[in-house]
């Protein structure tokens, strides 16, 4: 696949989101002392620069956010393809396939 094709597919993936959507419930005691389950509450969680960032998502917005997460996964795969193209373009014909440390042999003594 050529770069211009990948870029066209990227444009089709927008808007997109990273992360995972979780459904949460909370247990609370009501006035009579009975424990009731409250929820569901939806939380979008993702990692940004090594830190976990979470935000609540309203129930009516859940289908839209799920679709954006799916497009985000497709976008991530396309970015990986771009990296593969860039790295294959950067390789030189004389580049070694695998580096070996000097002085080490495969045979045990």
N, C-alpha and C. Protein backbone atom coordinates (compact mmCIF):
# COMPACT_ATOMS: atom_id res chain seq x y z
N UNK A 1 0.85 -1.18 0.00
CA UNK A 1 0.00 0.00 0.00
C UNK A 1 0.89 1.24 0.00
N UNK A 2 0.53 2.19 -0.80
CA UNK A 2 1.30 3.43 -0.94
C UNK A 2 0.92 4.42 0.17
N UNK A 3 1.83 5.36 0.40
CA UNK A 3 1.62 6.34 1.46
C UNK A 3 0.37 7.17 1.23
N UNK A 4 0.11 7.60 0.00
CA UNK A 4 -1.07 8.43 -0.25
C UNK A 4 -2.37 7.65 0.02
N UNK A 5 -2.37 6.34 -0.19
CA UNK A 5 -3.54 5.52 0.13
C UNK A 5 -3.75 5.44 1.64
N UNK A 6 -2.65 5.30 2.37
CA UNK A 6 -2.74 5.24 3.83
C UNK A 6 -3.27 6.56 4.38
N UNK A 7 -2.77 7.67 3.85
CA UNK A 7 -3.23 8.98 4.32
C UNK A 7 -4.71 9.19 4.02
N UNK A 8 -5.17 8.69 2.89
CA UNK A 8 -6.60 8.79 2.57
C UNK A 8 -7.43 7.97 3.56
N UNK A 9 -6.94 6.79 3.94
CA UNK A 9 -7.65 5.97 4.92
C UNK A 9 -7.64 6.63 6.30
N UNK A 10 -6.54 7.31 6.62
CA UNK A 10 -6.46 8.02 7.91
C UNK A 10 -7.54 9.08 7.99
N UNK A 11 -7.75 9.81 6.91
CA UNK A 11 -8.78 10.85 6.89
C UNK A 11 -10.16 10.25 7.13
N UNK A 12 -10.38 9.02 6.69
CA UNK A 12 -11.65 8.35 6.91
C UNK A 12 -11.84 7.85 8.33
N UNK A 13 -10.76 7.81 9.12
CA UNK A 13 -10.82 7.31 10.50
C UNK A 13 -11.15 8.41 11.51
N UNK A 14 -11.28 9.63 11.06
CA UNK A 14 -11.51 10.74 12.00
C UNK A 14 -12.98 11.03 12.14
N UNK A 15 -13.47 11.42 13.28
CA UNK A 15 -12.81 11.56 14.57
C UNK A 15 -12.56 10.19 15.21
N UNK A 16 -11.51 10.14 16.02
CA UNK A 16 -11.12 8.88 16.66
C UNK A 16 -10.69 9.15 18.10
N UNK A 17 -10.72 8.10 18.88
CA UNK A 17 -10.28 8.19 20.29
C UNK A 17 -9.38 7.01 20.60
N UNK A 18 -8.51 7.21 21.61
CA UNK A 18 -7.70 6.14 22.16
C UNK A 18 -8.32 5.69 23.47
N UNK A 19 -8.03 4.47 23.87
CA UNK A 19 -8.43 4.02 25.19
C UNK A 19 -9.47 2.92 25.16
N UNK A 20 -10.01 2.67 26.34
CA UNK A 20 -11.02 1.63 26.54
C UNK A 20 -12.19 2.23 27.31
N UNK A 21 -13.37 1.71 27.03
CA UNK A 21 -14.57 2.18 27.71
C UNK A 21 -15.01 1.10 28.70
N UNK A 22 -15.17 1.48 29.95
CA UNK A 22 -15.55 0.55 31.00
C UNK A 22 -16.91 0.92 31.56
N UNK A 23 -17.64 -0.10 31.97
CA UNK A 23 -18.93 0.10 32.63
C UNK A 23 -18.72 -0.18 34.12
N UNK A 24 -19.14 0.76 34.96
CA UNK A 24 -18.94 0.61 36.40
C UNK A 24 -20.27 0.70 37.13
N UNK A 25 -20.33 0.02 38.27
CA UNK A 25 -21.48 0.08 39.16
C UNK A 25 -20.97 0.40 40.56
N UNK A 26 -21.78 1.07 41.34
CA UNK A 26 -21.44 1.38 42.72
C UNK A 26 -22.50 0.80 43.63
N UNK A 27 -22.07 0.28 44.79
CA UNK A 27 -23.00 -0.22 45.79
C UNK A 27 -23.17 0.86 46.85
N UNK A 28 -24.43 1.21 47.13
CA UNK A 28 -24.72 2.23 48.14
C UNK A 28 -25.83 1.73 49.04
N UNK A 29 -25.78 2.17 50.27
CA UNK A 29 -26.84 1.83 51.21
C UNK A 29 -27.89 2.94 51.17
N UNK A 30 -29.15 2.56 51.06
CA UNK A 30 -30.21 3.57 51.06
C UNK A 30 -30.62 3.86 52.50
N UNK A 31 -31.64 4.65 52.68
CA UNK A 31 -32.08 5.09 54.01
C UNK A 31 -32.48 3.92 54.91
N UNK A 32 -33.00 2.86 54.33
CA UNK A 32 -33.42 1.71 55.13
C UNK A 32 -32.25 0.77 55.44
N UNK A 33 -31.07 1.04 54.87
CA UNK A 33 -29.90 0.20 55.13
C UNK A 33 -29.68 -0.87 54.07
N UNK A 34 -30.61 -1.01 53.15
CA UNK A 34 -30.45 -2.00 52.09
C UNK A 34 -29.41 -1.51 51.09
N UNK A 35 -28.60 -2.43 50.62
CA UNK A 35 -27.56 -2.08 49.66
C UNK A 35 -28.15 -2.16 48.25
N UNK A 36 -27.99 -1.06 47.52
CA UNK A 36 -28.49 -1.00 46.15
C UNK A 36 -27.32 -0.78 45.20
N UNK A 37 -27.45 -1.35 44.03
CA UNK A 37 -26.43 -1.17 43.01
C UNK A 37 -26.81 0.04 42.17
N UNK A 38 -25.89 1.00 42.06
CA UNK A 38 -26.13 2.21 41.30
C UNK A 38 -25.33 2.14 40.00
N UNK A 39 -25.93 2.59 38.93
CA UNK A 39 -25.21 2.61 37.66
C UNK A 39 -26.06 2.05 36.55
N UNK A 40 -25.53 1.79 35.44
CA UNK A 40 -24.11 1.81 35.13
C UNK A 40 -23.59 3.22 34.85
N UNK A 41 -22.29 3.38 35.16
CA UNK A 41 -21.56 4.59 34.82
C UNK A 41 -20.48 4.18 33.83
N UNK A 42 -20.25 4.98 32.83
CA UNK A 42 -19.27 4.65 31.80
C UNK A 42 -18.05 5.54 31.97
N UNK A 43 -16.86 4.92 31.88
CA UNK A 43 -15.61 5.64 32.05
C UNK A 43 -14.68 5.31 30.89
N UNK A 44 -14.18 6.35 30.22
CA UNK A 44 -13.19 6.20 29.16
C UNK A 44 -11.82 6.39 29.80
N UNK A 45 -10.96 5.37 29.66
CA UNK A 45 -9.63 5.40 30.26
C UNK A 45 -8.59 5.22 29.17
N UNK A 46 -7.53 6.06 29.24
CA UNK A 46 -6.44 5.96 28.28
C UNK A 46 -5.15 6.41 28.96
N UNK A 47 -4.03 6.12 28.32
CA UNK A 47 -2.73 6.52 28.85
C UNK A 47 -2.20 7.68 28.02
N UNK A 48 -1.83 8.75 28.69
CA UNK A 48 -1.26 9.93 28.02
C UNK A 48 0.07 10.23 28.67
N UNK A 49 1.14 10.08 27.90
CA UNK A 49 2.51 10.33 28.38
C UNK A 49 2.79 9.56 29.68
N UNK A 50 2.36 8.30 29.72
CA UNK A 50 2.64 7.44 30.85
C UNK A 50 1.70 7.59 32.03
N UNK A 51 0.72 8.44 31.93
CA UNK A 51 -0.24 8.64 33.02
C UNK A 51 -1.62 8.20 32.56
N UNK A 52 -2.37 7.60 33.47
CA UNK A 52 -3.72 7.17 33.17
C UNK A 52 -4.67 8.35 33.32
N UNK A 53 -5.44 8.58 32.26
CA UNK A 53 -6.41 9.67 32.25
C UNK A 53 -7.79 9.04 32.06
N UNK A 54 -8.73 9.39 32.92
CA UNK A 54 -10.08 8.85 32.85
C UNK A 54 -11.08 9.98 32.79
N UNK A 55 -12.17 9.72 32.08
CA UNK A 55 -13.25 10.70 32.04
C UNK A 55 -14.58 9.95 31.94
N UNK A 56 -15.59 10.51 32.55
CA UNK A 56 -16.91 9.90 32.49
C UNK A 56 -17.55 10.18 31.14
N UNK A 57 -18.36 9.21 30.71
CA UNK A 57 -19.09 9.33 29.45
C UNK A 57 -20.56 9.17 29.77
N UNK A 58 -21.38 10.07 29.29
CA UNK A 58 -22.82 9.99 29.54
C UNK A 58 -23.40 8.81 28.77
N UNK A 59 -24.40 8.12 29.32
CA UNK A 59 -25.00 6.96 28.63
C UNK A 59 -25.47 7.24 27.20
N UNK A 60 -26.05 8.40 26.89
CA UNK A 60 -26.44 8.62 25.49
C UNK A 60 -25.24 8.72 24.53
N UNK A 61 -24.06 9.05 25.05
CA UNK A 61 -22.87 9.21 24.22
C UNK A 61 -22.09 7.92 24.02
N UNK A 62 -22.46 6.85 24.71
CA UNK A 62 -21.70 5.60 24.67
C UNK A 62 -21.57 5.03 23.26
N UNK A 63 -22.63 4.91 22.45
CA UNK A 63 -22.45 4.35 21.10
C UNK A 63 -21.48 5.16 20.23
N UNK A 64 -21.54 6.48 20.34
CA UNK A 64 -20.64 7.34 19.57
C UNK A 64 -19.20 7.14 20.01
N UNK A 65 -18.97 7.08 21.33
CA UNK A 65 -17.61 6.91 21.85
C UNK A 65 -17.07 5.54 21.47
N UNK A 66 -17.90 4.50 21.51
CA UNK A 66 -17.45 3.16 21.10
C UNK A 66 -17.03 3.16 19.63
N UNK A 67 -17.78 3.84 18.78
CA UNK A 67 -17.42 3.93 17.36
C UNK A 67 -16.11 4.70 17.19
N UNK A 68 -15.91 5.75 17.96
CA UNK A 68 -14.67 6.52 17.87
C UNK A 68 -13.47 5.70 18.34
N UNK A 69 -13.66 4.87 19.36
CA UNK A 69 -12.58 3.99 19.83
C UNK A 69 -12.23 2.98 18.75
N UNK A 70 -13.25 2.42 18.08
CA UNK A 70 -12.98 1.47 16.99
C UNK A 70 -12.20 2.14 15.86
N UNK A 71 -12.57 3.38 15.52
CA UNK A 71 -11.83 4.11 14.49
C UNK A 71 -10.41 4.43 14.97
N UNK A 72 -10.25 4.64 16.26
CA UNK A 72 -8.91 4.89 16.82
C UNK A 72 -8.01 3.68 16.69
N UNK A 73 -8.57 2.48 16.85
CA UNK A 73 -7.78 1.26 16.69
C UNK A 73 -7.36 1.09 15.23
N UNK A 74 -8.27 1.41 14.30
CA UNK A 74 -7.93 1.35 12.88
C UNK A 74 -6.86 2.39 12.55
N UNK A 75 -6.96 3.57 13.14
CA UNK A 75 -5.97 4.62 12.93
C UNK A 75 -4.60 4.19 13.44
N UNK A 76 -4.57 3.54 14.58
CA UNK A 76 -3.31 3.04 15.13
C UNK A 76 -2.66 2.03 14.20
N UNK A 77 -3.45 1.15 13.59
CA UNK A 77 -2.91 0.17 12.64
C UNK A 77 -2.35 0.86 11.41
N UNK A 78 -3.00 1.92 10.95
CA UNK A 78 -2.51 2.67 9.79
C UNK A 78 -1.21 3.40 10.11
N UNK A 79 -1.10 3.94 11.30
CA UNK A 79 0.14 4.61 11.71
C UNK A 79 1.27 3.58 11.77
N UNK A 80 0.96 2.37 12.22
CA UNK A 80 1.97 1.31 12.23
C UNK A 80 2.44 0.98 10.81
N UNK A 81 1.53 1.00 9.84
CA UNK A 81 1.91 0.78 8.44
C UNK A 81 2.84 1.89 7.95
N UNK A 82 2.56 3.12 8.37
CA UNK A 82 3.45 4.23 7.99
C UNK A 82 4.84 4.00 8.55
N UNK A 83 4.93 3.55 9.79
CA UNK A 83 6.24 3.27 10.39
C UNK A 83 6.95 2.16 9.62
N UNK A 84 6.23 1.13 9.21
CA UNK A 84 6.85 0.05 8.43
C UNK A 84 7.41 0.59 7.12
N UNK A 85 6.64 1.46 6.43
CA UNK A 85 7.13 2.07 5.19
C UNK A 85 8.37 2.93 5.44
N UNK A 86 8.34 3.72 6.50
CA UNK A 86 9.45 4.62 6.81
C UNK A 86 10.71 3.82 7.15
N UNK A 87 10.56 2.75 7.93
CA UNK A 87 11.73 1.96 8.31
C UNK A 87 12.28 1.16 7.13
N UNK A 88 11.41 0.67 6.26
CA UNK A 88 11.91 -0.05 5.09
C UNK A 88 12.61 0.90 4.13
N UNK A 89 12.16 2.16 4.05
CA UNK A 89 12.82 3.15 3.21
C UNK A 89 14.17 3.55 3.80
N UNK A 90 14.31 3.47 5.11
CA UNK A 90 15.55 3.88 5.76
C UNK A 90 16.64 2.82 5.72
N UNK A 91 16.26 1.57 5.48
CA UNK A 91 17.25 0.48 5.45
C UNK A 91 18.15 0.61 4.23
N UNK A 92 19.41 0.36 4.43
CA UNK A 92 20.41 0.38 3.36
C UNK A 92 20.73 -1.06 2.97
N UNK A 93 21.16 -1.28 1.74
CA UNK A 93 21.44 -2.65 1.30
C UNK A 93 22.50 -3.35 2.15
N UNK A 94 23.46 -2.63 2.71
CA UNK A 94 24.53 -3.25 3.49
C UNK A 94 24.23 -3.39 4.96
N UNK A 95 23.06 -2.99 5.41
CA UNK A 95 22.74 -3.08 6.83
C UNK A 95 22.69 -4.54 7.29
N UNK A 96 23.30 -4.83 8.44
CA UNK A 96 23.25 -6.22 8.95
C UNK A 96 21.83 -6.56 9.39
N UNK A 97 21.49 -7.82 9.26
CA UNK A 97 20.15 -8.26 9.65
C UNK A 97 20.04 -8.40 11.16
N UNK A 98 21.12 -8.89 11.78
CA UNK A 98 21.10 -9.09 13.22
C UNK A 98 22.49 -8.79 13.77
N UNK A 99 22.54 -8.09 14.87
CA UNK A 99 23.83 -7.78 15.46
C UNK A 99 24.21 -8.88 16.44
N UNK A 100 25.48 -9.21 16.43
CA UNK A 100 26.02 -10.15 17.41
C UNK A 100 27.05 -9.42 18.24
N UNK A 101 27.09 -9.77 19.49
CA UNK A 101 28.11 -9.18 20.35
C UNK A 101 29.44 -9.85 20.07
N UNK A 102 30.52 -9.07 19.96
CA UNK A 102 31.82 -9.68 19.69
C UNK A 102 32.26 -10.54 20.87
N UNK A 103 32.96 -11.64 20.54
CA UNK A 103 33.49 -12.50 21.59
C UNK A 103 32.49 -13.51 22.12
N UNK A 104 31.31 -13.55 21.59
CA UNK A 104 30.32 -14.52 22.05
C UNK A 104 30.09 -15.54 20.96
N UNK A 105 30.09 -16.76 21.34
CA UNK A 105 29.80 -17.81 20.36
C UNK A 105 28.54 -18.52 20.77
N UNK A 106 27.98 -19.23 19.83
CA UNK A 106 26.76 -19.97 20.11
C UNK A 106 27.04 -21.24 20.90
N UNK A 107 28.26 -21.77 20.74
CA UNK A 107 28.62 -23.02 21.41
C UNK A 107 28.97 -22.79 22.86
N UNK A 108 28.49 -23.67 23.69
CA UNK A 108 28.86 -23.60 25.11
C UNK A 108 30.18 -24.32 25.31
N UNK A 109 30.97 -23.78 26.22
CA UNK A 109 32.25 -24.46 26.46
C UNK A 109 32.24 -25.24 27.74
